[in-house]
Amino acid sequence: MDNKSRFVVTARASKKLPEALRNNDGIRQALKAVDEYFPLKLVLDDQQLDLLKKSSKAVARCLIPGSKVDASYQFNHLCEISSELFKEVKEIRKNIKEIVSDHEDELESDRVGALQYVKEFRSEMGPALASSIILRRFANCVDAVLLAQIQYSAENVEIELHIAEE
C-alpha cells in the first residue's frame, strides 16, 4: 500500500470574494481560460511538493509544516513564485549544459552508449531533468492563472491557485 500523500493543484475563484461573486460569468471564463492554457491535471506527491518548497520561498511560506496542506496563492504570490521557479529552472538548465559540455567527446563517439557509461548522465543529469520538468509544469500552471487574472481583470475577476491534500 502506498502511503504517499497526493496534492491537487487547481485554479479557483478567490476565497476573498463574496460567495455571490465566486460563480459569476467572469470567474467561469477566467477558469476556463486557465484550463485552456494549462489543460493538464496537476497532482504532486510529497517529493515534488518538497522540491517546490525548496525552490520557492513563496510556496513554502503558505505551507505549515506538520499540518494538512490547504494553501491558496493570489496574484502577488503567484508573480513571486513564477519568478523564483524560472530562476531555479534556469540554474538547472545551466548545470545540464555543463554536464553535456564536459562529455561532448563521449557523446560524439558513442551517442547512446555514452548515456549508459558516463555516470553523470544518470546520477546528475537525469534527476536534474526530472526536477526541471516538475518546476516548469508548476510554473506554467502558475503563469496560466496569472494570464487569466490579467485578461479578465476588467471584469473584476479574482482567481487563485490552490494546493490541497487529497
N, C-alpha and C. Protein backbone atom coordinates (compact mmCIF):
# COMPACT_ATOMS: atom_id res chain seq x y z
N MET A 1 0.84 -1.19 0.00
CA MET A 1 0.00 0.00 0.00
C MET A 1 0.88 1.25 0.00
N ASP A 2 0.52 2.22 -0.78
CA ASP A 2 1.29 3.45 -0.92
C ASP A 2 0.83 4.47 0.11
N ASN A 3 1.75 4.92 0.96
CA ASN A 3 1.42 5.90 1.98
C ASN A 3 1.76 7.32 1.58
N LYS A 4 2.14 7.53 0.35
CA LYS A 4 2.48 8.88 -0.10
C LYS A 4 1.24 9.74 -0.17
N SER A 5 1.42 10.98 0.20
CA SER A 5 0.33 11.94 0.06
C SER A 5 0.29 12.45 -1.37
N ARG A 6 -0.89 12.88 -1.79
CA ARG A 6 -1.07 13.47 -3.10
C ARG A 6 -1.67 14.85 -2.90
N PHE A 7 -1.20 15.79 -3.72
CA PHE A 7 -1.62 17.18 -3.60
C PHE A 7 -2.14 17.64 -4.96
N VAL A 8 -3.38 18.08 -4.98
CA VAL A 8 -4.02 18.51 -6.23
C VAL A 8 -3.89 20.02 -6.34
N VAL A 9 -3.46 20.47 -7.52
CA VAL A 9 -3.29 21.90 -7.79
C VAL A 9 -4.40 22.32 -8.74
N THR A 10 -5.17 23.33 -8.33
CA THR A 10 -6.27 23.81 -9.15
C THR A 10 -6.36 25.34 -9.09
N ALA A 11 -7.01 25.88 -10.10
CA ALA A 11 -7.36 27.30 -10.08
C ALA A 11 -8.80 27.39 -9.61
N ARG A 12 -9.10 28.43 -8.86
CA ARG A 12 -10.47 28.61 -8.37
C ARG A 12 -10.72 30.09 -8.12
N ALA A 13 -11.98 30.43 -7.92
CA ALA A 13 -12.33 31.79 -7.54
C ALA A 13 -11.70 32.08 -6.18
N SER A 14 -11.23 33.28 -5.99
CA SER A 14 -10.60 33.65 -4.74
C SER A 14 -11.58 33.53 -3.57
N LYS A 15 -11.10 32.96 -2.49
CA LYS A 15 -11.93 32.85 -1.27
C LYS A 15 -12.17 34.23 -0.65
N LYS A 16 -11.41 35.23 -1.10
CA LYS A 16 -11.60 36.59 -0.60
C LYS A 16 -12.88 37.23 -1.16
N LEU A 17 -13.36 36.67 -2.28
CA LEU A 17 -14.57 37.21 -2.90
C LEU A 17 -15.81 36.77 -2.13
N PRO A 18 -16.83 37.62 -2.11
CA PRO A 18 -18.11 37.18 -1.54
C PRO A 18 -18.65 35.99 -2.35
N GLU A 19 -19.37 35.12 -1.69
CA GLU A 19 -19.89 33.90 -2.33
C GLU A 19 -20.65 34.21 -3.63
N ALA A 20 -21.41 35.27 -3.65
CA ALA A 20 -22.20 35.61 -4.84
C ALA A 20 -21.33 35.91 -6.05
N LEU A 21 -20.13 36.43 -5.83
CA LEU A 21 -19.24 36.77 -6.95
C LEU A 21 -18.39 35.59 -7.42
N ARG A 22 -18.29 34.55 -6.61
CA ARG A 22 -17.42 33.41 -6.96
C ARG A 22 -17.92 32.60 -8.15
N ASN A 23 -19.17 32.76 -8.49
CA ASN A 23 -19.74 31.98 -9.58
C ASN A 23 -20.19 32.84 -10.75
N ASN A 24 -19.70 34.07 -10.81
CA ASN A 24 -20.17 34.93 -11.91
C ASN A 24 -19.53 34.51 -13.23
N ASP A 25 -20.02 35.08 -14.31
CA ASP A 25 -19.59 34.71 -15.65
C ASP A 25 -18.10 34.99 -15.87
N GLY A 26 -17.61 36.10 -15.34
CA GLY A 26 -16.19 36.44 -15.49
C GLY A 26 -15.29 35.40 -14.85
N ILE A 27 -15.67 34.93 -13.68
CA ILE A 27 -14.89 33.88 -12.99
C ILE A 27 -14.90 32.60 -13.83
N ARG A 28 -16.07 32.22 -14.30
CA ARG A 28 -16.17 31.00 -15.13
C ARG A 28 -15.29 31.11 -16.38
N GLN A 29 -15.30 32.27 -17.01
CA GLN A 29 -14.49 32.47 -18.21
C GLN A 29 -13.00 32.42 -17.88
N ALA A 30 -12.62 33.04 -16.77
CA ALA A 30 -11.20 33.04 -16.38
C ALA A 30 -10.73 31.62 -16.05
N LEU A 31 -11.54 30.86 -15.35
CA LEU A 31 -11.16 29.48 -15.01
C LEU A 31 -11.12 28.60 -16.26
N LYS A 32 -12.01 28.85 -17.19
CA LYS A 32 -11.98 28.13 -18.46
C LYS A 32 -10.69 28.47 -19.22
N ALA A 33 -10.30 29.74 -19.18
CA ALA A 33 -9.05 30.16 -19.83
C ALA A 33 -7.85 29.46 -19.21
N VAL A 34 -7.82 29.34 -17.89
CA VAL A 34 -6.72 28.63 -17.22
C VAL A 34 -6.64 27.21 -17.74
N ASP A 35 -7.79 26.54 -17.84
CA ASP A 35 -7.81 25.16 -18.34
C ASP A 35 -7.34 25.06 -19.79
N GLU A 36 -7.61 26.09 -20.57
CA GLU A 36 -7.14 26.08 -21.96
C GLU A 36 -5.63 26.31 -22.04
N TYR A 37 -5.11 27.21 -21.20
CA TYR A 37 -3.67 27.49 -21.20
C TYR A 37 -2.88 26.33 -20.61
N PHE A 38 -3.46 25.69 -19.60
CA PHE A 38 -2.77 24.60 -18.91
C PHE A 38 -3.78 23.46 -18.72
N PRO A 39 -3.96 22.63 -19.76
CA PRO A 39 -5.01 21.60 -19.72
C PRO A 39 -4.68 20.37 -18.88
N LEU A 40 -3.48 20.28 -18.34
CA LEU A 40 -3.10 19.11 -17.57
C LEU A 40 -3.63 19.17 -16.15
N LYS A 41 -4.04 18.02 -15.63
CA LYS A 41 -4.38 17.95 -14.22
C LYS A 41 -3.06 17.82 -13.47
N LEU A 42 -2.80 18.73 -12.57
CA LEU A 42 -1.53 18.74 -11.86
C LEU A 42 -1.71 18.14 -10.47
N VAL A 43 -1.09 16.99 -10.26
CA VAL A 43 -1.11 16.31 -8.98
C VAL A 43 0.33 16.07 -8.59
N LEU A 44 0.67 16.47 -7.36
CA LEU A 44 2.03 16.35 -6.87
C LEU A 44 2.11 15.31 -5.76
N ASP A 45 3.28 14.68 -5.63
CA ASP A 45 3.50 13.81 -4.49
C ASP A 45 4.36 14.55 -3.47
N ASP A 46 4.69 13.87 -2.37
CA ASP A 46 5.46 14.51 -1.29
C ASP A 46 6.79 15.08 -1.77
N GLN A 47 7.52 14.29 -2.55
CA GLN A 47 8.83 14.72 -3.03
C GLN A 47 8.72 15.93 -3.95
N GLN A 48 7.73 15.93 -4.81
CA GLN A 48 7.55 17.05 -5.72
C GLN A 48 7.16 18.32 -4.97
N LEU A 49 6.30 18.19 -3.97
CA LEU A 49 5.93 19.35 -3.16
C LEU A 49 7.14 19.87 -2.39
N ASP A 50 7.95 18.95 -1.87
CA ASP A 50 9.19 19.37 -1.18
C ASP A 50 10.12 20.13 -2.12
N LEU A 51 10.23 19.67 -3.36
CA LEU A 51 11.05 20.35 -4.35
C LEU A 51 10.53 21.77 -4.58
N LEU A 52 9.22 21.92 -4.70
CA LEU A 52 8.63 23.26 -4.89
C LEU A 52 8.91 24.15 -3.68
N LYS A 53 8.80 23.60 -2.49
CA LYS A 53 9.07 24.39 -1.28
C LYS A 53 10.53 24.83 -1.21
N LYS A 54 11.43 23.95 -1.62
CA LYS A 54 12.85 24.30 -1.63
C LYS A 54 13.19 25.33 -2.70
N SER A 55 12.44 25.30 -3.79
CA SER A 55 12.72 26.16 -4.93
C SER A 55 12.02 27.52 -4.85
N SER A 56 11.00 27.63 -4.02
CA SER A 56 10.23 28.87 -3.93
C SER A 56 9.88 29.19 -2.48
N LYS A 57 10.43 30.27 -1.99
CA LYS A 57 10.10 30.72 -0.64
C LYS A 57 8.62 31.08 -0.53
N ALA A 58 8.06 31.61 -1.63
CA ALA A 58 6.64 31.99 -1.63
C ALA A 58 5.73 30.77 -1.48
N VAL A 59 6.09 29.66 -2.09
CA VAL A 59 5.31 28.43 -1.92
C VAL A 59 5.43 27.96 -0.47
N ALA A 60 6.65 27.92 0.03
CA ALA A 60 6.90 27.40 1.37
C ALA A 60 6.21 28.23 2.46
N ARG A 61 6.13 29.55 2.27
CA ARG A 61 5.54 30.42 3.30
C ARG A 61 4.11 30.05 3.65
N CYS A 62 3.36 29.60 2.68
CA CYS A 62 1.94 29.30 2.91
C CYS A 62 1.68 27.87 3.38
N LEU A 63 2.71 27.06 3.43
CA LEU A 63 2.54 25.67 3.86
C LEU A 63 3.08 25.51 5.27
N ILE A 64 2.22 25.12 6.17
CA ILE A 64 2.59 24.98 7.57
C ILE A 64 3.07 23.54 7.81
N PRO A 65 4.34 23.39 8.24
CA PRO A 65 4.87 22.04 8.47
C PRO A 65 4.02 21.26 9.47
N GLY A 66 3.77 20.00 9.14
CA GLY A 66 3.03 19.12 10.04
C GLY A 66 1.52 19.22 9.94
N SER A 67 1.01 20.16 9.18
CA SER A 67 -0.44 20.29 9.05
C SER A 67 -0.88 19.82 7.66
N LYS A 68 -2.16 19.57 7.53
CA LYS A 68 -2.71 19.17 6.23
C LYS A 68 -2.54 20.32 5.24
N VAL A 69 -2.12 19.99 4.03
CA VAL A 69 -1.86 21.02 3.02
C VAL A 69 -3.18 21.53 2.45
N ASP A 70 -3.38 22.83 2.58
CA ASP A 70 -4.54 23.53 2.03
C ASP A 70 -4.13 25.00 1.89
N ALA A 71 -3.46 25.31 0.77
CA ALA A 71 -2.88 26.64 0.60
C ALA A 71 -3.39 27.29 -0.68
N SER A 72 -3.61 28.59 -0.60
CA SER A 72 -4.05 29.36 -1.76
C SER A 72 -3.08 30.50 -2.00
N TYR A 73 -2.85 30.78 -3.28
CA TYR A 73 -1.91 31.82 -3.68
C TYR A 73 -2.61 32.80 -4.61
N GLN A 74 -2.57 34.07 -4.24
CA GLN A 74 -3.17 35.11 -5.05
C GLN A 74 -2.11 35.73 -5.96
N PHE A 75 -2.51 36.72 -6.72
CA PHE A 75 -1.72 37.31 -7.79
C PHE A 75 -0.29 37.67 -7.37
N ASN A 76 -0.12 38.43 -6.30
CA ASN A 76 1.24 38.87 -5.93
C ASN A 76 2.13 37.69 -5.56
N HIS A 77 1.58 36.69 -4.87
CA HIS A 77 2.38 35.50 -4.55
C HIS A 77 2.70 34.70 -5.81
N LEU A 78 1.74 34.64 -6.72
CA LEU A 78 1.96 33.89 -7.96
C LEU A 78 3.07 34.52 -8.80
N CYS A 79 3.12 35.84 -8.82
CA CYS A 79 4.21 36.52 -9.55
C CYS A 79 5.56 36.14 -8.95
N GLU A 80 5.63 36.14 -7.63
CA GLU A 80 6.88 35.79 -6.94
C GLU A 80 7.25 34.32 -7.20
N ILE A 81 6.27 33.44 -7.12
CA ILE A 81 6.51 32.01 -7.36
C ILE A 81 7.03 31.79 -8.78
N SER A 82 6.38 32.39 -9.75
CA SER A 82 6.78 32.24 -11.15
C SER A 82 8.23 32.66 -11.34
N SER A 83 8.58 33.80 -10.80
CA SER A 83 9.94 34.30 -10.92
C SER A 83 10.96 33.37 -10.26
N GLU A 84 10.64 32.92 -9.04
CA GLU A 84 11.56 32.03 -8.32
C GLU A 84 11.76 30.71 -9.06
N LEU A 85 10.68 30.14 -9.56
CA LEU A 85 10.79 28.84 -10.21
C LEU A 85 11.54 28.93 -11.53
N PHE A 86 11.30 29.98 -12.30
CA PHE A 86 12.01 30.08 -13.56
C PHE A 86 13.50 30.37 -13.34
N LYS A 87 13.85 31.07 -12.26
CA LYS A 87 15.27 31.25 -11.92
C LYS A 87 15.90 29.90 -11.58
N GLU A 88 15.18 29.10 -10.82
CA GLU A 88 15.68 27.78 -10.44
C GLU A 88 15.83 26.89 -11.68
N VAL A 89 14.86 26.91 -12.56
CA VAL A 89 14.93 26.12 -13.79
C VAL A 89 16.12 26.58 -14.64
N LYS A 90 16.33 27.87 -14.72
CA LYS A 90 17.47 28.40 -15.48
C LYS A 90 18.78 27.85 -14.93
N GLU A 91 18.90 27.80 -13.61
CA GLU A 91 20.11 27.27 -12.98
C GLU A 91 20.27 25.77 -13.27
N ILE A 92 19.19 25.04 -13.19
CA ILE A 92 19.23 23.60 -13.51
C ILE A 92 19.67 23.39 -14.95
N ARG A 93 19.09 24.16 -15.87
CA ARG A 93 19.43 24.02 -17.28
C ARG A 93 20.90 24.36 -17.53
N LYS A 94 21.42 25.34 -16.79
CA LYS A 94 22.84 25.70 -16.90
C LYS A 94 23.71 24.51 -16.46
N ASN A 95 23.33 23.85 -15.37
CA ASN A 95 24.07 22.68 -14.90
C ASN A 95 24.02 21.53 -15.90
N ILE A 96 22.87 21.35 -16.53
CA ILE A 96 22.72 20.30 -17.54
C ILE A 96 23.63 20.59 -18.73
N LYS A 97 23.65 21.84 -19.13
CA LYS A 97 24.51 22.24 -20.25
C LYS A 97 25.98 21.97 -19.93
N GLU A 98 26.38 22.22 -18.69
CA GLU A 98 27.76 21.95 -18.28
C GLU A 98 28.08 20.46 -18.34
N ILE A 99 27.15 19.62 -17.92
CA ILE A 99 27.36 18.17 -17.98
C ILE A 99 27.55 17.74 -19.43
N VAL A 100 26.71 18.22 -20.30
CA VAL A 100 26.81 17.87 -21.72
C VAL A 100 28.14 18.37 -22.29
N SER A 101 28.51 19.60 -21.95
CA SER A 101 29.78 20.16 -22.44
C SER A 101 30.97 19.35 -21.96
N ASP A 102 30.92 18.91 -20.70
CA ASP A 102 32.02 18.13 -20.13
C ASP A 102 32.19 16.78 -20.82
N HIS A 103 31.15 16.30 -21.48
CA HIS A 103 31.19 14.96 -22.08
C HIS A 103 30.89 14.96 -23.57
N GLU A 104 31.22 16.06 -24.23
CA GLU A 104 30.97 16.17 -25.68
C GLU A 104 31.69 15.09 -26.47
N ASP A 105 32.94 14.81 -26.10
CA ASP A 105 33.70 13.80 -26.84
C ASP A 105 33.04 12.43 -26.75
N GLU A 106 32.61 12.05 -25.55
CA GLU A 106 31.94 10.76 -25.39
C GLU A 106 30.65 10.70 -26.21
N LEU A 107 29.91 11.80 -26.22
CA LEU A 107 28.66 11.84 -26.97
C LEU A 107 28.91 11.77 -28.48
N GLU A 108 29.98 12.41 -28.92
CA GLU A 108 30.32 12.37 -30.35
C GLU A 108 30.70 10.97 -30.79
N SER A 109 31.48 10.27 -29.98
CA SER A 109 31.98 8.97 -30.38
C SER A 109 30.97 7.84 -30.16
N ASP A 110 30.10 7.98 -29.17
CA ASP A 110 29.15 6.90 -28.85
C ASP A 110 27.89 7.51 -28.23
N ARG A 111 27.04 8.05 -29.09
CA ARG A 111 25.88 8.83 -28.62
C ARG A 111 25.05 8.12 -27.57
N VAL A 112 24.49 6.97 -27.91
CA VAL A 112 23.61 6.27 -26.98
C VAL A 112 24.41 5.58 -25.88
N GLY A 113 25.50 4.99 -26.24
CA GLY A 113 26.32 4.28 -25.24
C GLY A 113 26.82 5.20 -24.14
N ALA A 114 27.15 6.43 -24.50
CA ALA A 114 27.64 7.38 -23.50
C ALA A 114 26.61 7.63 -22.42
N LEU A 115 25.36 7.60 -22.77
CA LEU A 115 24.31 7.81 -21.77
C LEU A 115 24.31 6.70 -20.73
N GLN A 116 24.80 5.53 -21.14
CA GLN A 116 24.84 4.40 -20.23
C GLN A 116 26.12 4.39 -19.38
N TYR A 117 27.28 4.69 -19.96
CA TYR A 117 28.52 4.53 -19.21
C TYR A 117 29.06 5.81 -18.59
N VAL A 118 28.59 6.98 -18.97
CA VAL A 118 29.03 8.21 -18.30
C VAL A 118 28.09 8.44 -17.13
N LYS A 119 28.61 8.23 -15.92
CA LYS A 119 27.74 8.23 -14.73
C LYS A 119 27.03 9.56 -14.49
N GLU A 120 27.61 10.67 -14.93
CA GLU A 120 26.98 11.98 -14.70
C GLU A 120 25.63 12.11 -15.39
N PHE A 121 25.45 11.40 -16.50
CA PHE A 121 24.16 11.46 -17.19
C PHE A 121 23.06 10.85 -16.32
N ARG A 122 23.36 9.73 -15.70
CA ARG A 122 22.36 9.06 -14.87
C ARG A 122 22.28 9.68 -13.47
N SER A 123 23.41 9.98 -12.87
CA SER A 123 23.41 10.42 -11.47
C SER A 123 23.11 11.91 -11.29
N GLU A 124 23.40 12.72 -12.29
CA GLU A 124 23.18 14.16 -12.16
C GLU A 124 22.16 14.71 -13.17
N MET A 125 22.37 14.36 -14.43
CA MET A 125 21.51 14.95 -15.47
C MET A 125 20.09 14.41 -15.39
N GLY A 126 19.92 13.12 -15.16
CA GLY A 126 18.59 12.53 -15.06
C GLY A 126 17.75 13.19 -13.97
N PRO A 127 18.26 13.23 -12.73
CA PRO A 127 17.49 13.89 -11.66
C PRO A 127 17.28 15.39 -11.92
N ALA A 128 18.26 16.04 -12.54
CA ALA A 128 18.11 17.47 -12.85
C ALA A 128 16.98 17.69 -13.85
N LEU A 129 16.91 16.84 -14.87
CA LEU A 129 15.83 16.95 -15.86
C LEU A 129 14.47 16.70 -15.20
N ALA A 130 14.40 15.70 -14.32
CA ALA A 130 13.14 15.40 -13.62
C ALA A 130 12.70 16.61 -12.78
N SER A 131 13.63 17.23 -12.09
CA SER A 131 13.32 18.42 -11.29
C SER A 131 12.86 19.56 -12.17
N SER A 132 13.56 19.75 -13.27
CA SER A 132 13.21 20.81 -14.20
C SER A 132 11.79 20.65 -14.73
N ILE A 133 11.41 19.43 -15.05
CA ILE A 133 10.06 19.17 -15.57
C ILE A 133 9.02 19.53 -14.52
N ILE A 134 9.21 19.10 -13.30
CA ILE A 134 8.26 19.39 -12.21
C ILE A 134 8.14 20.89 -12.00
N LEU A 135 9.26 21.58 -11.91
CA LEU A 135 9.24 23.02 -11.66
C LEU A 135 8.60 23.77 -12.82
N ARG A 136 8.92 23.38 -14.06
CA ARG A 136 8.35 24.07 -15.22
C ARG A 136 6.85 23.82 -15.32
N ARG A 137 6.41 22.60 -15.05
CA ARG A 137 4.96 22.32 -15.10
C ARG A 137 4.21 23.19 -14.09
N PHE A 138 4.74 23.25 -12.87
CA PHE A 138 4.07 24.06 -11.85
C PHE A 138 4.13 25.54 -12.23
N ALA A 139 5.28 25.99 -12.70
CA ALA A 139 5.42 27.40 -13.10
C ALA A 139 4.49 27.73 -14.27
N ASN A 140 4.32 26.82 -15.20
CA ASN A 140 3.40 27.05 -16.31
C ASN A 140 1.95 27.12 -15.82
N CYS A 141 1.61 26.31 -14.84
CA CYS A 141 0.28 26.37 -14.24
C CYS A 141 0.09 27.73 -13.56
N VAL A 142 1.09 28.17 -12.81
CA VAL A 142 1.05 29.49 -12.17
C VAL A 142 0.86 30.58 -13.21
N ASP A 143 1.62 30.51 -14.29
CA ASP A 143 1.52 31.54 -15.34
C ASP A 143 0.16 31.53 -16.02
N ALA A 144 -0.45 30.36 -16.14
CA ALA A 144 -1.80 30.28 -16.72
C ALA A 144 -2.80 31.03 -15.84
N VAL A 145 -2.67 30.89 -14.53
CA VAL A 145 -3.55 31.60 -13.60
C VAL A 145 -3.28 33.10 -13.68
N LEU A 146 -2.02 33.48 -13.72
CA LEU A 146 -1.67 34.91 -13.83
C LEU A 146 -2.24 35.52 -15.11
N LEU A 147 -2.08 34.83 -16.23
CA LEU A 147 -2.57 35.34 -17.51
C LEU A 147 -4.08 35.49 -17.50
N ALA A 148 -4.78 34.50 -17.00
CA ALA A 148 -6.25 34.59 -16.94
C ALA A 148 -6.68 35.73 -16.03
N GLN A 149 -5.99 35.91 -14.92
CA GLN A 149 -6.31 37.00 -13.99
C GLN A 149 -6.15 38.35 -14.70
N ILE A 150 -5.09 38.49 -15.45
CA ILE A 150 -4.83 39.74 -16.17
C ILE A 150 -5.88 39.95 -17.27
N GLN A 151 -6.14 38.91 -18.05
CA GLN A 151 -7.07 39.03 -19.17
C GLN A 151 -8.49 39.37 -18.72
N TYR A 152 -8.89 38.90 -17.57
CA TYR A 152 -10.26 39.12 -17.10
C TYR A 152 -10.33 40.15 -15.97
N SER A 153 -9.28 40.94 -15.81
CA SER A 153 -9.26 41.94 -14.73
C SER A 153 -10.32 43.03 -14.95
N ALA A 154 -10.67 43.32 -16.19
CA ALA A 154 -11.69 44.33 -16.47
C ALA A 154 -13.05 43.91 -15.92
N GLU A 155 -13.22 42.60 -15.74
CA GLU A 155 -14.48 42.09 -15.21
C GLU A 155 -14.41 41.90 -13.70
N ASN A 156 -13.38 42.47 -13.07
CA ASN A 156 -13.21 42.41 -11.63
C ASN A 156 -13.11 40.96 -11.12
N VAL A 157 -12.39 40.15 -11.88
CA VAL A 157 -12.22 38.74 -11.56
C VAL A 157 -11.01 38.58 -10.65
N GLU A 158 -11.17 37.75 -9.63
CA GLU A 158 -10.03 37.42 -8.77
C GLU A 158 -10.01 35.90 -8.61
N ILE A 159 -8.96 35.29 -9.18
CA ILE A 159 -8.81 33.84 -9.05
C ILE A 159 -7.50 33.56 -8.33
N GLU A 160 -7.35 32.33 -7.86
CA GLU A 160 -6.16 31.95 -7.11
C GLU A 160 -5.77 30.52 -7.46
N LEU A 161 -4.55 30.19 -7.12
CA LEU A 161 -4.06 28.82 -7.29
C LEU A 161 -4.18 28.15 -5.93
N HIS A 162 -4.73 26.96 -5.93
CA HIS A 162 -4.99 26.26 -4.67
C HIS A 162 -4.29 24.91 -4.69
N ILE A 163 -3.62 24.57 -3.60
CA ILE A 163 -2.99 23.26 -3.43
C ILE A 163 -3.67 22.61 -2.22
N ALA A 164 -4.23 21.43 -2.45
CA ALA A 164 -4.92 20.73 -1.36
C ALA A 164 -4.50 19.27 -1.34
N GLU A 165 -4.35 18.76 -0.14
CA GLU A 165 -4.02 17.36 0.05
C GLU A 165 -5.25 16.51 -0.19
N GLU A 166 -5.07 15.45 -0.97
CA GLU A 166 -6.21 14.54 -1.23
C GLU A 166 -6.43 13.63 -0.06
